[in-house]
Structure formats: structure tokens, C-alpha cells
Amino acid sequence: MIIEIPSPLPPPRSVVLGGPGTYLCAMQDIHHSLSDCHLCADRFARTATAHSPRPVVWFRPGARILIIGQAPGMRVHTSGIPFDDPSGDRLRNWMGLDADPFYDKSRVAIVPMGFCFPGYNAKGADLPPPRLCAETWHARVMNALGDIPLTLLVGAHAQAWHLGRGKGVTPTVRAWRDHAPRRFPLPHPSWRNTGWLKNNPWFDADLLPDLRARVSEVMND
């Protein structure tokens, strides 16, 4: 059974910016404001790790691929580098990308639903990303990025926000052809989902070849 933390986020609110020159100004403003964001400081202080906010901001205009995930884990919180863990190794394998192109901000933007590590619950699992983060930042970042040829929706939170609630990860990923070639819903690449991958061989046999072909296409366009 696939492991996902419940409590999907609401759909985004539309934000319309001005002309093409607005993107760079908006991006500079968002980078500065988001990097300094401490909206969840009190919430994080009450977790077992009692950590301070550290937004992981990894995007710039002109990216060809947008990865929308859940939230940084503790290792990423420490390094400040998104997907700097075994989940990232698996995701890069799914995409057919080495680390260098994956971490090229001019080509790949990484926008989680929560920009900071949310802490652990009583069982030691990552807490879900706070709603406040997505409600404050997600639409602003998406509009500043503009049109991107390929978006990967990684996990339940990203899929609920962009595709709507209620279907669950497995049916949503199974229906990936309904959203391709511009969007690919994916399970979270965590080791916790290794069993799900074994029980759903169509993911490796059918979805991943198309995903890798599309990644190659947009990266080399």
C-alpha cells in the first residue's frame, strides 16, 4: 500500500501579473521574501526537532521542468539542496537525469507545497506541509515562473492542489495519460513506497519510458 500523509491542500487561487517584464521583478521579490519567511516559526518550535524555518528556494525564470513535491526532509533542511537524499536519487532515475542537469536552476525548478522542513510526528514520520505555506506562496511562485513545458506532480499534496481532491495517488498516477505530455503525476520517490512500486509494475514498464522521453525532449528543446 502506498504511504502518503493525508490532508490534501485546497486548489490554488489565481494571481495575474502584468506583461512579460513582470516575471523577473516578481521572481526577485519572491526569492527575497520567501527566503526570509518565518510564518511557521512558532509551529516548528513546537515539533520534536524544535527547528527554525529554512525555506529551500530553488527556481528561476526560464526553467523547462517544474517539480512540485511535498516538503523538504531533515537532510534537505540541513543541506539546503532539494532532493539531496535517496528519494532524490530515485526521482532522478525516474527522469533519466544526472545530478548536474537536475540541479541546473535554469532548466529545472523545484517548488514544494511547503518550502520548509515541517518536523516529525510522534512516530518519527515527516509532518504534512503547513497549509499556510502553500496558501501564501504557491500561486505567486507559479505565476512568476510562467509557462513551463513539463510539470511533475510528486505525491498526494501536489496532485490534490493541481488536479483536484478525492482520487488518491494510485488512481491519479494510473491515469497519467490523461495529463501527459505537459503534466505527469508521480508517487513520492521515498523508500516507503518501494512496496507500491513492486505491486504496480505498469509504473516502471509504461509510465517511466514516456516520462524519460518527455524529459529528454524538453531539456533538449
C-alpha atoms as a PDB file:
ATOM      1  CA  MET A   1       0.000   0.000   0.000  1.00  0.00           C
ATOM      2  CA  ILE A   2       1.334   3.396  -0.931  1.00  0.00           C
ATOM      3  CA  ILE A   3       2.245   5.581   2.016  1.00  0.00           C
ATOM      4  CA  GLU A   4       1.118   9.196   1.791  1.00  0.00           C
ATOM      5  CA  ILE A   5       0.377  11.723   4.529  1.00  0.00           C
ATOM      6  CA  PRO A   6      -3.272  12.843   4.238  1.00  0.00           C
ATOM      7  CA  SER A   7      -4.774  16.350   4.407  1.00  0.00           C
ATOM      8  CA  PRO A   8      -4.580  17.495   0.782  1.00  0.00           C
ATOM      9  CA  LEU A   9      -4.353  21.200   0.166  1.00  0.00           C
ATOM     10  CA  PRO A  10      -7.053  23.345  -1.448  1.00  0.00           C
ATOM     11  CA  PRO A  11      -6.846  24.405  -5.121  1.00  0.00           C
ATOM     12  CA  PRO A  12      -4.736  27.438  -5.960  1.00  0.00           C
ATOM     13  CA  ARG A  13      -6.022  30.973  -6.162  1.00  0.00           C
ATOM     14  CA  SER A  14      -5.280  32.672  -9.460  1.00  0.00           C
ATOM     15  CA  VAL A  15      -2.857  35.581  -9.492  1.00  0.00           C
ATOM     16  CA  VAL A  16      -2.443  37.522 -12.724  1.00  0.00           C
ATOM     17  CA  LEU A  17       0.695  39.528 -13.286  1.00  0.00           C
ATOM     18  CA  GLY A  18       1.399  42.186 -15.886  1.00  0.00           C
ATOM     19  CA  GLY A  19       3.468  41.859 -19.076  1.00  0.00           C
ATOM     20  CA  PRO A  20       6.494  39.629 -19.752  1.00  0.00           C
ATOM     21  CA  GLY A  21       8.849  42.005 -17.941  1.00  0.00           C
ATOM     22  CA  THR A  22       6.921  41.402 -14.753  1.00  0.00           C
ATOM     23  CA  TYR A  23       8.261  37.859 -14.377  1.00  0.00           C
ATOM     24  CA  LEU A  24      11.826  38.853 -13.449  1.00  0.00           C
ATOM     25  CA  CYS A  25      10.743  41.550 -10.972  1.00  0.00           C
ATOM     26  CA  ALA A  26       8.206  39.213  -9.410  1.00  0.00           C
ATOM     27  CA  MET A  27      10.799  36.442  -9.157  1.00  0.00           C
ATOM     28  CA  GLN A  28      13.357  38.676  -7.449  1.00  0.00           C
ATOM     29  CA  ASP A  29      10.737  39.852  -4.966  1.00  0.00           C
ATOM     30  CA  ILE A  30       9.554  36.321  -4.245  1.00  0.00           C
ATOM     31  CA  HIS A  31      13.083  34.970  -3.784  1.00  0.00           C
ATOM     32  CA  HIS A  32      13.875  37.645  -1.235  1.00  0.00           C
ATOM     33  CA  SER A  33      10.581  37.423   0.660  1.00  0.00           C
ATOM     34  CA  LEU A  34      10.358  33.643   0.601  1.00  0.00           C
ATOM     35  CA  SER A  35      13.950  33.135   1.743  1.00  0.00           C
ATOM     36  CA  ASP A  36      13.196  35.311   4.787  1.00  0.00           C
ATOM     37  CA  CYS A  37       9.791  33.746   5.542  1.00  0.00           C
ATOM     38  CA  HIS A  38       9.203  32.872   9.217  1.00  0.00           C
ATOM     39  CA  LEU A  39       5.424  32.470   9.177  1.00  0.00           C
ATOM     40  CA  CYS A  40       5.665  28.967  10.657  1.00  0.00           C
ATOM     41  CA  ALA A  41       8.363  29.645  13.261  1.00  0.00           C
ATOM     42  CA  ASP A  42       6.063  29.034  16.242  1.00  0.00           C
ATOM     43  CA  ARG A  43       4.684  25.851  14.667  1.00  0.00           C
ATOM     44  CA  PHE A  44       8.155  24.415  14.021  1.00  0.00           C
ATOM     45  CA  ALA A  45       9.353  25.360  17.507  1.00  0.00           C
ATOM     46  CA  ARG A  46       6.665  23.056  18.949  1.00  0.00           C
ATOM     47  CA  THR A  47       7.828  19.989  16.996  1.00  0.00           C
ATOM     48  CA  ALA A  48      10.193  17.331  18.346  1.00  0.00           C
ATOM     49  CA  THR A  49      13.088  18.889  16.437  1.00  0.00           C
ATOM     50  CA  ALA A  50      12.255  22.447  17.613  1.00  0.00           C
ATOM     51  CA  HIS A  51      13.898  23.767  14.466  1.00  0.00           C
ATOM     52  CA  SER A  52      13.783  27.199  12.870  1.00  0.00           C
ATOM     53  CA  PRO A  53      12.347  27.809   9.386  1.00  0.00           C
ATOM     54  CA  ARG A  54      14.768  27.374   6.495  1.00  0.00           C
ATOM     55  CA  PRO A  55      12.935  27.796   3.177  1.00  0.00           C
ATOM     56  CA  VAL A  56      14.572  25.831   0.366  1.00  0.00           C
ATOM     57  CA  VAL A  57      14.164  28.138  -2.638  1.00  0.00           C
ATOM     58  CA  TRP A  58      15.256  26.529  -5.921  1.00  0.00           C
ATOM     59  CA  PHE A  59      13.811  28.104  -9.064  1.00  0.00           C
ATOM     60  CA  ARG A  60      14.323  30.848 -11.612  1.00  0.00           C
ATOM     61  CA  PRO A  61      12.602  32.048 -14.811  1.00  0.00           C
ATOM     62  CA  GLY A  62      13.122  30.017 -17.979  1.00  0.00           C
ATOM     63  CA  ALA A  63      13.056  26.544 -16.420  1.00  0.00           C
ATOM     64  CA  ARG A  64      11.952  23.718 -18.710  1.00  0.00           C
ATOM     65  CA  ILE A  65      10.797  21.306 -15.995  1.00  0.00           C
ATOM     66  CA  LEU A  66       8.893  22.079 -12.804  1.00  0.00           C
ATOM     67  CA  ILE A  67       8.922  19.555  -9.964  1.00  0.00           C
ATOM     68  CA  ILE A  68       6.181  20.111  -7.395  1.00  0.00           C
ATOM     69  CA  GLY A  69       6.717  17.949  -4.338  1.00  0.00           C
ATOM     70  CA  GLN A  70       5.674  17.855  -0.691  1.00  0.00           C
ATOM     71  CA  ALA A  71       8.261  19.493   1.606  1.00  0.00           C
ATOM     72  CA  PRO A  72      11.958  19.166   2.449  1.00  0.00           C
ATOM     73  CA  GLY A  73      13.050  16.430   4.832  1.00  0.00           C
ATOM     74  CA  MET A  74      15.570  16.851   7.615  1.00  0.00           C
ATOM     75  CA  ARG A  75      18.543  16.094   5.360  1.00  0.00           C
ATOM     76  CA  VAL A  76      17.439  18.741   2.868  1.00  0.00           C
ATOM     77  CA  HIS A  77      16.766  21.149   5.740  1.00  0.00           C
ATOM     78  CA  THR A  78      20.406  20.707   6.739  1.00  0.00           C
ATOM     79  CA  SER A  79      21.947  20.946   3.271  1.00  0.00           C
ATOM     80  CA  GLY A  80      19.600  23.470   1.673  1.00  0.00           C
ATOM     81  CA  ILE A  81      19.640  21.366  -1.511  1.00  0.00           C
ATOM     82  CA  PRO A  82      16.300  19.857  -2.626  1.00  0.00           C
ATOM     83  CA  PHE A  83      16.078  16.088  -3.071  1.00  0.00           C
ATOM     84  CA  ASP A  84      19.546  15.724  -1.544  1.00  0.00           C
ATOM     85  CA  ASP A  85      18.676  12.245  -0.303  1.00  0.00           C
ATOM     86  CA  PRO A  86      17.833   8.724  -1.564  1.00  0.00           C
ATOM     87  CA  SER A  87      14.406   9.974  -2.693  1.00  0.00           C
ATOM     88  CA  GLY A  88      16.224  12.368  -5.000  1.00  0.00           C
ATOM     89  CA  ASP A  89      18.356   9.538  -6.376  1.00  0.00           C
ATOM     90  CA  ARG A  90      15.210   7.611  -7.228  1.00  0.00           C
ATOM     91  CA  LEU A  91      13.474  10.637  -8.741  1.00  0.00           C
ATOM     92  CA  ARG A  92      16.465  11.406 -10.953  1.00  0.00           C
ATOM     93  CA  ASN A  93      16.492   7.786 -12.078  1.00  0.00           C
ATOM     94  CA  TRP A  94      12.795   8.042 -12.954  1.00  0.00           C
ATOM     95  CA  MET A  95      13.523  11.153 -15.005  1.00  0.00           C
ATOM     96  CA  GLY A  96      16.676   9.801 -16.646  1.00  0.00           C
ATOM     97  CA  LEU A  97      18.707  12.799 -15.441  1.00  0.00           C
ATOM     98  CA  ASP A  98      22.105  13.040 -13.795  1.00  0.00           C
ATOM     99  CA  ALA A  99      22.652  15.410 -10.890  1.00  0.00           C
ATOM    100  CA  ASP A 100      24.201  18.221 -12.974  1.00  0.00           C
ATOM    101  CA  PRO A 101      21.197  18.897 -15.240  1.00  0.00           C
ATOM    102  CA  PHE A 102      18.777  18.169 -12.385  1.00  0.00           C
ATOM    103  CA  TYR A 103      20.322  20.922 -10.252  1.00  0.00           C
ATOM    104  CA  ASP A 104      20.614  23.428 -13.104  1.00  0.00           C
ATOM    105  CA  LYS A 105      18.092  26.068 -11.964  1.00  0.00           C
ATOM    106  CA  SER A 106      17.882  27.472 -15.479  1.00  0.00           C
ATOM    107  CA  ARG A 107      16.451  24.095 -16.588  1.00  0.00           C
ATOM    108  CA  VAL A 108      14.732  22.529 -13.561  1.00  0.00           C
ATOM    109  CA  ALA A 109      12.629  24.393 -10.981  1.00  0.00           C
ATOM    110  CA  ILE A 110      11.732  22.675  -7.690  1.00  0.00           C
ATOM    111  CA  VAL A 111       8.687  24.068  -5.898  1.00  0.00           C
ATOM    112  CA  PRO A 112       7.397  22.053  -2.905  1.00  0.00           C
ATOM    113  CA  MET A 113       3.963  22.616  -1.389  1.00  0.00           C
ATOM    114  CA  GLY A 114       5.819  23.533   1.804  1.00  0.00           C
ATOM    115  CA  PHE A 115       9.210  25.220   1.456  1.00  0.00           C
ATOM    116  CA  CYS A 116      10.493  24.295   4.932  1.00  0.00           C
ATOM    117  CA  PHE A 117      11.026  21.012   6.737  1.00  0.00           C
ATOM    118  CA  PRO A 118       7.792  20.642   8.758  1.00  0.00           C
ATOM    119  CA  GLY A 119       9.213  18.435  11.531  1.00  0.00           C
ATOM    120  CA  TYR A 120       8.326  14.930  12.720  1.00  0.00           C
ATOM    121  CA  ASN A 121       5.174  13.485  14.232  1.00  0.00           C
ATOM    122  CA  ALA A 122       5.124  11.224  17.301  1.00  0.00           C
ATOM    123  CA  LYS A 123       6.022   8.191  15.151  1.00  0.00           C
ATOM    124  CA  GLY A 124       9.031   9.870  13.566  1.00  0.00           C
ATOM    125  CA  ALA A 125       7.418  10.463  10.181  1.00  0.00           C
ATOM    126  CA  ASP A 126       7.519  13.828   8.434  1.00  0.00           C
ATOM    127  CA  LEU A 127       4.574  16.073   9.264  1.00  0.00           C
ATOM    128  CA  PRO A 128       2.500  17.336   6.317  1.00  0.00           C
ATOM    129  CA  PRO A 129       3.415  20.731   4.866  1.00  0.00           C
ATOM    130  CA  PRO A 130       1.547  23.554   6.630  1.00  0.00           C
ATOM    131  CA  ARG A 131      -1.409  24.860   4.609  1.00  0.00           C
ATOM    132  CA  LEU A 132      -0.270  28.385   5.353  1.00  0.00           C
ATOM    133  CA  CYS A 133       2.848  27.953   3.223  1.00  0.00           C
ATOM    134  CA  ALA A 134       1.013  26.928   0.058  1.00  0.00           C
ATOM    135  CA  GLU A 135      -1.762  29.448   0.606  1.00  0.00           C
ATOM    136  CA  THR A 136       0.810  32.226   0.962  1.00  0.00           C
ATOM    137  CA  TRP A 137       3.368  31.324  -1.693  1.00  0.00           C
ATOM    138  CA  HIS A 138       2.299  28.710  -4.223  1.00  0.00           C
ATOM    139  CA  ALA A 139       0.214  30.789  -6.621  1.00  0.00           C
ATOM    140  CA  ARG A 140       2.762  33.629  -6.500  1.00  0.00           C
ATOM    141  CA  VAL A 141       5.642  31.323  -7.405  1.00  0.00           C
ATOM    142  CA  MET A 142       3.678  29.575 -10.158  1.00  0.00           C
ATOM    143  CA  ASN A 143       2.717  32.862 -11.797  1.00  0.00           C
ATOM    144  CA  ALA A 144       6.250  34.236 -11.536  1.00  0.00           C
ATOM    145  CA  LEU A 145       7.642  31.107 -13.211  1.00  0.00           C
ATOM    146  CA  GLY A 146       5.236  31.454 -16.128  1.00  0.00           C
ATOM    147  CA  ASP A 147       4.574  28.687 -18.638  1.00  0.00           C
ATOM    148  CA  ILE A 148       6.758  25.593 -18.217  1.00  0.00           C
ATOM    149  CA  PRO A 149       6.551  22.733 -20.743  1.00  0.00           C
ATOM    150  CA  LEU A 150       6.671  19.868 -18.224  1.00  0.00           C
ATOM    151  CA  THR A 151       5.431  19.647 -14.636  1.00  0.00           C
ATOM    152  CA  LEU A 152       5.935  16.636 -12.366  1.00  0.00           C
ATOM    153  CA  LEU A 153       3.343  16.378  -9.579  1.00  0.00           C
ATOM    154  CA  VAL A 154       5.064  14.305  -6.932  1.00  0.00           C
ATOM    155  CA  GLY A 155       2.806  12.894  -4.227  1.00  0.00           C
ATOM    156  CA  ALA A 156      -0.675  13.488  -2.855  1.00  0.00           C
ATOM    157  CA  HIS A 157      -0.338  17.129  -1.846  1.00  0.00           C
ATOM    158  CA  ALA A 158       0.837  18.361  -5.249  1.00  0.00           C
ATOM    159  CA  GLN A 159      -1.754  16.263  -7.060  1.00  0.00           C
ATOM    160  CA  ALA A 160      -4.616  17.419  -4.855  1.00  0.00           C
ATOM    161  CA  TRP A 161      -3.694  21.071  -5.406  1.00  0.00           C
ATOM    162  CA  HIS A 162      -3.272  20.878  -9.174  1.00  0.00           C
ATOM    163  CA  LEU A 163      -5.590  18.058 -10.215  1.00  0.00           C
ATOM    164  CA  GLY A 164      -8.305  18.133  -7.542  1.00  0.00           C
ATOM    165  CA  ARG A 165      -9.109  16.095  -4.472  1.00  0.00           C
ATOM    166  CA  GLY A 166     -10.604  12.687  -3.934  1.00  0.00           C
ATOM    167  CA  LYS A 167      -8.945  10.271  -6.351  1.00  0.00           C
ATOM    168  CA  GLY A 168      -5.914   9.207  -4.332  1.00  0.00           C
ATOM    169  CA  VAL A 169      -2.367   8.714  -5.546  1.00  0.00           C
ATOM    170  CA  THR A 170      -2.716   5.302  -7.188  1.00  0.00           C
ATOM    171  CA  PRO A 171      -5.735   6.129  -9.413  1.00  0.00           C
ATOM    172  CA  THR A 172      -4.234   9.522 -10.246  1.00  0.00           C
ATOM    173  CA  VAL A 173      -0.866   8.091 -11.280  1.00  0.00           C
ATOM    174  CA  ARG A 174      -2.547   5.234 -13.144  1.00  0.00           C
ATOM    175  CA  ALA A 175      -4.430   7.844 -15.198  1.00  0.00           C
ATOM    176  CA  TRP A 176      -1.215   9.683 -16.103  1.00  0.00           C
ATOM    177  CA  ARG A 177      -2.057   9.623 -19.817  1.00  0.00           C
ATOM    178  CA  ASP A 178      -4.967  11.964 -19.077  1.00  0.00           C
ATOM    179  CA  HIS A 179      -2.459  14.661 -18.110  1.00  0.00           C
ATOM    180  CA  ALA A 180       0.590  13.931 -20.279  1.00  0.00           C
ATOM    181  CA  PRO A 181       2.606  15.246 -22.003  1.00  0.00           C
ATOM    182  CA  ARG A 182       2.580  18.520 -20.009  1.00  0.00           C
ATOM    183  CA  ARG A 183       1.969  17.023 -16.558  1.00  0.00           C
ATOM    184  CA  PHE A 184       2.992  13.700 -15.034  1.00  0.00           C
ATOM    185  CA  PRO A 185       1.595  12.661 -11.625  1.00  0.00           C
ATOM    186  CA  LEU A 186       4.084  10.514  -9.723  1.00  0.00           C
ATOM    187  CA  PRO A 187       4.155   8.719  -6.363  1.00  0.00           C
ATOM    188  CA  HIS A 188       6.608  10.061  -3.851  1.00  0.00           C
ATOM    189  CA  PRO A 189      10.036   8.501  -4.554  1.00  0.00           C
ATOM    190  CA  SER A 190      10.548   7.664  -0.868  1.00  0.00           C
ATOM    191  CA  TRP A 191      11.839   4.245   0.135  1.00  0.00           C
ATOM    192  CA  ARG A 192       8.498   3.858   1.946  1.00  0.00           C
ATOM    193  CA  ASN A 193       6.871   3.386  -1.459  1.00  0.00           C
ATOM    194  CA  THR A 194       9.145   0.552  -2.602  1.00  0.00           C
ATOM    195  CA  GLY A 195       6.345  -1.935  -1.964  1.00  0.00           C
ATOM    196  CA  TRP A 196       3.943   0.141  -4.047  1.00  0.00           C
ATOM    197  CA  LEU A 197       6.380   0.130  -6.958  1.00  0.00           C
ATOM    198  CA  LYS A 198       6.657  -3.671  -6.778  1.00  0.00           C
ATOM    199  CA  ASN A 199       2.869  -4.017  -6.723  1.00  0.00           C
ATOM    200  CA  ASN A 200       2.383  -1.665  -9.675  1.00  0.00           C
ATOM    201  CA  PRO A 201       4.788  -2.844 -12.396  1.00  0.00           C
ATOM    202  CA  TRP A 202       2.967  -0.760 -15.018  1.00  0.00           C
ATOM    203  CA  PHE A 203       4.618   2.314 -13.499  1.00  0.00           C
ATOM    204  CA  ASP A 204       8.085   1.161 -14.490  1.00  0.00           C
ATOM    205  CA  ALA A 205       7.025  -0.539 -17.731  1.00  0.00           C
ATOM    206  CA  ASP A 206       4.646   2.063 -19.157  1.00  0.00           C
ATOM    207  CA  LEU A 207       4.892   5.438 -17.429  1.00  0.00           C
ATOM    208  CA  LEU A 208       8.636   5.809 -16.942  1.00  0.00           C
ATOM    209  CA  PRO A 209       9.641   5.319 -20.614  1.00  0.00           C
ATOM    210  CA  ASP A 210       7.211   8.067 -21.630  1.00  0.00           C
ATOM    211  CA  LEU A 211       8.374  10.304 -18.788  1.00  0.00           C
ATOM    212  CA  ARG A 212      12.036   9.914 -19.714  1.00  0.00           C
ATOM    213  CA  ALA A 213      11.296  10.604 -23.368  1.00  0.00           C
ATOM    214  CA  ARG A 214       9.392  13.761 -22.459  1.00  0.00           C
ATOM    215  CA  VAL A 215      12.143  14.920 -20.074  1.00  0.00           C
ATOM    216  CA  SER A 216      14.731  14.443 -22.816  1.00  0.00           C
ATOM    217  CA  GLU A 217      12.550  16.310 -25.289  1.00  0.00           C
ATOM    218  CA  VAL A 218      12.001  19.422 -23.169  1.00  0.00           C
ATOM    219  CA  MET A 219      15.564  19.534 -21.838  1.00  0.00           C
ATOM    220  CA  ASN A 220      16.993  19.455 -25.351  1.00  0.00           C
ATOM    221  CA  ASP A 221      14.424  21.732 -26.997  1.00  0.00           C
END
